[in-house]
N, C-alpha and C. Protein backbone atom coordinates (compact mmCIF):
# COMPACT_ATOMS: atom_id res chain seq x y z
N MET A 1 -48.92 -6.58 -27.63
CA MET A 1 -47.61 -6.10 -27.48
C MET A 1 -47.71 -4.26 -27.53
N SER A 2 -46.42 -4.01 -26.97
CA SER A 2 -46.22 -2.91 -26.15
C SER A 2 -46.03 -1.71 -27.70
N THR A 3 -46.43 -0.60 -26.79
CA THR A 3 -46.56 0.37 -28.14
C THR A 3 -45.19 1.01 -28.04
N LYS A 4 -44.42 1.81 -29.28
CA LYS A 4 -42.87 2.47 -29.19
C LYS A 4 -42.56 3.41 -27.62
N GLU A 5 -43.75 3.94 -27.58
CA GLU A 5 -43.32 4.56 -26.26
C GLU A 5 -43.19 4.18 -25.06
N GLU A 6 -44.07 3.04 -24.66
CA GLU A 6 -44.01 1.77 -24.00
C GLU A 6 -42.37 1.24 -23.69
N TYR A 7 -41.81 0.49 -25.08
CA TYR A 7 -40.55 0.17 -25.03
C TYR A 7 -39.92 1.26 -25.16
N VAL A 8 -39.55 2.26 -25.30
CA VAL A 8 -38.63 3.32 -25.13
C VAL A 8 -38.40 3.61 -24.17
N ARG A 9 -39.81 3.50 -22.91
CA ARG A 9 -39.25 3.65 -21.80
C ARG A 9 -38.93 2.52 -20.98
N LYS A 10 -39.05 1.44 -21.41
CA LYS A 10 -38.69 0.16 -20.71
C LYS A 10 -37.51 0.12 -21.10
N MET A 11 -36.99 0.58 -22.19
CA MET A 11 -35.26 0.45 -22.50
C MET A 11 -34.73 1.44 -21.28
N HIS A 12 -35.01 2.63 -21.71
CA HIS A 12 -34.49 3.44 -20.52
C HIS A 12 -34.31 3.72 -19.23
N SER A 13 -35.24 2.80 -18.93
CA SER A 13 -35.26 2.41 -17.45
C SER A 13 -34.06 1.45 -17.17
N LYS A 14 -33.86 0.15 -18.08
CA LYS A 14 -32.83 -0.62 -18.11
C LYS A 14 -31.53 -0.24 -18.18
N LEU A 15 -31.76 0.78 -18.85
CA LEU A 15 -30.33 1.72 -19.25
C LEU A 15 -29.99 2.45 -18.06
N ASP A 16 -30.69 3.47 -17.34
CA ASP A 16 -30.57 3.55 -16.09
C ASP A 16 -30.17 2.36 -14.96
N ILE A 17 -30.42 1.22 -14.54
CA ILE A 17 -30.19 0.44 -14.01
C ILE A 17 -28.56 -0.14 -14.56
N TRP A 18 -28.34 -0.11 -15.68
CA TRP A 18 -27.00 -0.26 -16.02
C TRP A 18 -26.03 0.55 -15.71
N SER A 19 -26.25 1.82 -15.87
CA SER A 19 -25.60 3.18 -15.51
C SER A 19 -25.51 3.31 -14.18
N ALA A 20 -26.18 2.43 -12.93
CA ALA A 20 -26.09 2.73 -11.83
C ALA A 20 -25.40 1.20 -11.57
N GLU A 21 -25.39 0.24 -12.31
CA GLU A 21 -24.47 -0.87 -11.88
C GLU A 21 -22.99 -0.83 -12.52
N ILE A 22 -22.78 0.18 -12.97
CA ILE A 22 -21.49 0.31 -13.58
C ILE A 22 -21.07 1.46 -12.82
N ASP A 23 -21.78 2.38 -12.06
CA ASP A 23 -21.17 3.50 -11.16
C ASP A 23 -20.46 2.25 -9.77
N ARG A 24 -21.22 1.75 -9.31
CA ARG A 24 -21.10 0.39 -8.21
C ARG A 24 -19.78 -0.21 -8.47
N LEU A 25 -19.53 -0.70 -9.82
CA LEU A 25 -18.07 -1.29 -10.46
C LEU A 25 -16.92 -0.02 -10.05
N SER A 26 -17.56 1.16 -10.52
CA SER A 26 -16.01 2.06 -10.56
C SER A 26 -15.89 2.39 -8.96
N ALA A 27 -16.86 2.61 -8.70
CA ALA A 27 -16.49 2.62 -7.13
C ALA A 27 -15.66 1.52 -6.61
N ARG A 28 -16.30 0.21 -6.57
CA ARG A 28 -15.54 -0.68 -6.35
C ARG A 28 -14.31 -0.62 -6.56
N ALA A 29 -13.86 -0.58 -8.08
CA ALA A 29 -12.51 -0.33 -8.54
C ALA A 29 -11.61 0.46 -7.68
N ASP A 30 -12.07 1.49 -7.26
CA ASP A 30 -11.35 2.85 -6.48
C ASP A 30 -10.78 1.88 -5.34
N GLN A 31 -11.34 0.77 -4.90
CA GLN A 31 -11.22 0.41 -3.41
C GLN A 31 -9.86 -0.91 -3.54
N VAL A 32 -9.68 -1.50 -4.74
CA VAL A 32 -8.54 -2.56 -5.12
C VAL A 32 -7.10 -2.41 -5.08
N GLY A 33 -6.66 -3.18 -5.20
CA GLY A 33 -5.21 -2.65 -5.35
C GLY A 33 -4.82 -2.49 -6.66
N ALA A 34 -3.85 -1.61 -7.11
CA ALA A 34 -3.62 -1.42 -8.21
C ALA A 34 -3.32 -2.36 -9.44
N ASP A 35 -2.88 -3.18 -9.27
CA ASP A 35 -2.81 -4.41 -9.93
C ASP A 35 -4.45 -4.32 -10.79
N THR A 36 -4.98 -5.12 -9.73
CA THR A 36 -6.61 -5.28 -10.27
C THR A 36 -7.26 -3.91 -10.40
N ARG A 37 -6.83 -3.02 -10.18
CA ARG A 37 -7.87 -1.27 -10.15
C ARG A 37 -8.03 -1.65 -12.10
N ALA A 38 -6.58 -1.83 -12.75
CA ALA A 38 -6.47 -1.66 -13.88
C ALA A 38 -7.35 -2.23 -14.94
N GLU A 39 -7.44 -3.88 -14.47
CA GLU A 39 -8.27 -4.45 -14.90
C GLU A 39 -9.49 -4.29 -14.81
N TYR A 40 -10.06 -3.91 -13.72
CA TYR A 40 -11.59 -2.86 -13.20
C TYR A 40 -11.55 -1.96 -14.64
N HIS A 41 -11.10 -1.05 -14.65
CA HIS A 41 -11.42 -0.04 -15.21
C HIS A 41 -11.29 -0.29 -16.96
N LYS A 42 -10.45 -1.64 -17.30
CA LYS A 42 -10.42 -1.87 -18.75
C LYS A 42 -11.90 -2.11 -18.68
N HIS A 43 -12.58 -3.20 -18.09
CA HIS A 43 -14.05 -3.73 -18.36
C HIS A 43 -14.85 -2.36 -18.13
N ILE A 44 -14.67 -1.61 -17.07
CA ILE A 44 -15.56 -0.79 -17.35
C ILE A 44 -15.65 0.33 -18.32
N ASP A 45 -14.28 0.38 -18.85
CA ASP A 45 -14.45 1.28 -19.93
C ASP A 45 -15.37 0.44 -20.87
N GLU A 46 -15.24 -0.32 -21.37
CA GLU A 46 -15.67 -1.64 -22.48
C GLU A 46 -17.58 -1.44 -21.93
N LEU A 47 -17.75 -1.29 -20.81
CA LEU A 47 -19.11 -1.06 -20.45
C LEU A 47 -19.69 0.13 -20.99
N HIS A 48 -18.83 0.75 -20.60
CA HIS A 48 -19.57 1.96 -21.09
C HIS A 48 -19.72 2.63 -22.72
N ALA A 49 -18.34 1.64 -23.39
CA ALA A 49 -18.43 1.97 -24.69
C ALA A 49 -19.91 1.02 -24.94
N LYS A 50 -20.12 0.10 -24.49
CA LYS A 50 -21.46 -1.06 -25.03
C LYS A 50 -22.76 0.57 -24.12
N LYS A 51 -22.72 0.54 -23.06
CA LYS A 51 -23.92 1.67 -23.34
C LYS A 51 -24.35 2.90 -23.98
N ALA A 52 -22.64 3.33 -24.30
CA ALA A 52 -22.99 4.89 -25.14
C ALA A 52 -23.61 4.08 -26.42
N ALA A 53 -23.73 2.72 -26.95
CA ALA A 53 -23.90 2.10 -28.32
C ALA A 53 -25.47 1.69 -28.02
N ALA A 54 -25.55 1.35 -26.90
CA ALA A 54 -27.09 1.09 -26.53
C ALA A 54 -27.95 2.39 -26.22
N GLN A 55 -27.50 3.52 -25.58
CA GLN A 55 -27.74 4.60 -25.82
C GLN A 55 -28.24 5.55 -27.31
N LYS A 56 -27.37 5.47 -28.08
CA LYS A 56 -27.61 5.77 -29.40
C LYS A 56 -28.33 4.83 -30.00
N ARG A 57 -28.82 3.68 -29.83
CA ARG A 57 -29.85 2.90 -30.57
C ARG A 57 -31.18 3.36 -30.00
N LEU A 58 -30.96 3.70 -28.84
CA LEU A 58 -32.21 4.12 -28.37
C LEU A 58 -32.76 5.75 -28.84
N ASP A 59 -31.22 6.24 -28.96
CA ASP A 59 -32.31 7.77 -29.34
C ASP A 59 -32.65 7.62 -30.76
N GLU A 60 -31.92 6.72 -31.88
CA GLU A 60 -32.53 6.31 -32.85
C GLU A 60 -33.68 5.51 -33.25
N LEU A 61 -33.80 4.81 -32.24
CA LEU A 61 -35.18 4.24 -32.19
C LEU A 61 -36.48 5.37 -31.74
N ARG A 62 -36.30 6.44 -31.12
CA ARG A 62 -36.81 7.36 -30.47
C ARG A 62 -37.19 8.38 -31.56
N GLN A 63 -36.15 8.46 -32.92
CA GLN A 63 -36.73 9.10 -33.87
C GLN A 63 -37.09 8.78 -34.96
N THR A 64 -37.67 7.43 -34.54
CA THR A 64 -38.51 6.44 -36.15
C THR A 64 -39.73 6.93 -36.05
N GLY A 65 -40.51 6.52 -36.76
CA GLY A 65 -41.88 6.61 -37.25
C GLY A 65 -42.33 5.61 -36.56
N GLU A 66 -43.49 5.45 -36.20
CA GLU A 66 -44.43 4.64 -35.62
C GLU A 66 -44.36 3.31 -36.58
N GLY A 67 -44.21 2.94 -37.92
CA GLY A 67 -44.38 2.05 -38.32
C GLY A 67 -43.06 1.00 -38.77
N ALA A 68 -41.68 2.05 -38.64
CA ALA A 68 -40.53 1.88 -38.55
C ALA A 68 -39.93 1.02 -37.59
N TRP A 69 -40.72 1.69 -36.39
CA TRP A 69 -39.51 0.97 -35.16
C TRP A 69 -39.39 -0.43 -34.86
N GLU A 70 -40.29 -1.01 -35.01
CA GLU A 70 -40.23 -2.55 -35.29
C GLU A 70 -39.35 -3.13 -35.78
N ASP A 71 -38.45 -2.41 -36.95
CA ASP A 71 -37.65 -2.74 -37.49
C ASP A 71 -36.49 -2.84 -37.11
N LEU A 72 -36.56 -1.39 -36.25
CA LEU A 72 -34.93 -1.55 -35.43
C LEU A 72 -34.92 -2.19 -33.87
N LYS A 73 -36.32 -2.70 -33.44
CA LYS A 73 -36.36 -3.39 -32.27
C LYS A 73 -35.42 -4.36 -31.94
N ALA A 74 -35.18 -5.09 -33.04
CA ALA A 74 -34.41 -6.36 -33.04
C ALA A 74 -33.09 -6.10 -32.94
N GLY A 75 -32.60 -5.36 -33.36
CA GLY A 75 -31.35 -4.55 -33.21
C GLY A 75 -30.97 -4.05 -32.01
N MET A 76 -31.97 -3.31 -31.47
CA MET A 76 -32.17 -3.05 -30.04
C MET A 76 -32.24 -4.15 -29.32
N GLU A 77 -32.53 -5.07 -29.37
CA GLU A 77 -32.92 -6.30 -28.57
C GLU A 77 -31.03 -6.99 -28.25
N MET A 78 -30.77 -7.09 -29.39
CA MET A 78 -29.51 -7.68 -29.53
C MET A 78 -28.42 -6.79 -28.68
N ALA A 79 -28.58 -5.15 -28.83
CA ALA A 79 -27.45 -4.21 -27.72
C ALA A 79 -27.83 -4.05 -26.75
N TRP A 80 -28.87 -4.75 -26.29
CA TRP A 80 -29.54 -4.58 -24.72
C TRP A 80 -28.84 -6.02 -24.39
N ASP A 81 -29.18 -7.25 -25.28
CA ASP A 81 -28.80 -8.73 -24.58
C ASP A 81 -27.05 -8.73 -24.45
N ALA A 82 -26.56 -7.72 -25.47
CA ALA A 82 -24.59 -7.39 -24.99
C ALA A 82 -24.58 -6.97 -23.87
N ILE A 83 -25.00 -5.87 -23.34
CA ILE A 83 -24.64 -4.66 -22.06
C ILE A 83 -25.22 -5.65 -20.87
N GLY A 84 -26.50 -6.51 -21.15
CA GLY A 84 -27.11 -6.80 -20.00
C GLY A 84 -25.87 -8.38 -19.63
N GLU A 85 -25.44 -8.73 -20.25
CA GLU A 85 -24.45 -9.54 -20.05
C GLU A 85 -23.01 -9.64 -19.77
N ALA A 86 -22.75 -8.35 -20.65
CA ALA A 86 -21.50 -7.49 -19.93
C ALA A 86 -21.61 -7.05 -18.47
N VAL A 87 -22.45 -6.44 -17.91
CA VAL A 87 -22.85 -6.04 -16.91
C VAL A 87 -22.72 -7.32 -15.88
N ASP A 88 -23.51 -8.28 -16.32
CA ASP A 88 -23.50 -9.41 -15.02
C ASP A 88 -22.01 -10.02 -15.25
N SER A 89 -21.38 -10.20 -16.35
CA SER A 89 -20.23 -10.91 -16.32
C SER A 89 -18.96 -9.97 -15.59
N ALA A 90 -19.35 -8.74 -15.64
CA ALA A 90 -18.47 -7.76 -14.96
C ALA A 90 -18.60 -7.98 -13.51
N LYS A 91 -19.88 -7.87 -13.00
CA LYS A 91 -19.95 -8.19 -11.39
C LYS A 91 -19.94 -9.39 -10.82
N SER A 92 -20.31 -10.49 -11.83
CA SER A 92 -19.52 -11.58 -11.13
C SER A 92 -18.43 -11.84 -11.19
N ARG A 93 -17.39 -11.47 -12.06
CA ARG A 93 -16.23 -11.39 -12.25
C ARG A 93 -15.22 -10.65 -10.72
N PHE A 94 -15.74 -9.62 -10.63
CA PHE A 94 -15.25 -8.68 -9.50
C PHE A 94 -15.88 -8.65 -8.08
N LYS A 95 -16.53 -9.74 -7.85
CA LYS A 95 -17.10 -10.17 -6.71
C LYS A 95 -16.15 -9.96 -5.75
C-alpha cells in the first residue's frame, strides 16, 4: 500500500496530465467553427470545474493527518474517476 506522500504525488501527476489534455482541447476549440466552438467551450468549462474540485480534494488530502488520509482517499478516487471519464469523453467527442 502506498504512503500518503506517494499517493499525493501520483494524484498530482494525474492532475497535470489532465490539465495538459484540457489545454489541448482548448487549443482545438479555437480552430473549429463558431457553432462547434461554443459546445467545445461548454465542455471545457465543465472540465475546468471538475479539475478544480479534484484539486481542492487533493489540497484537503495534503492537509490531513497520516491516520485520516485513508478516509478521504475513497472520495478522492471518485473525484479522480469523474474527471478522468470527463476528459476521455471530451477527447473522443471532439476528435
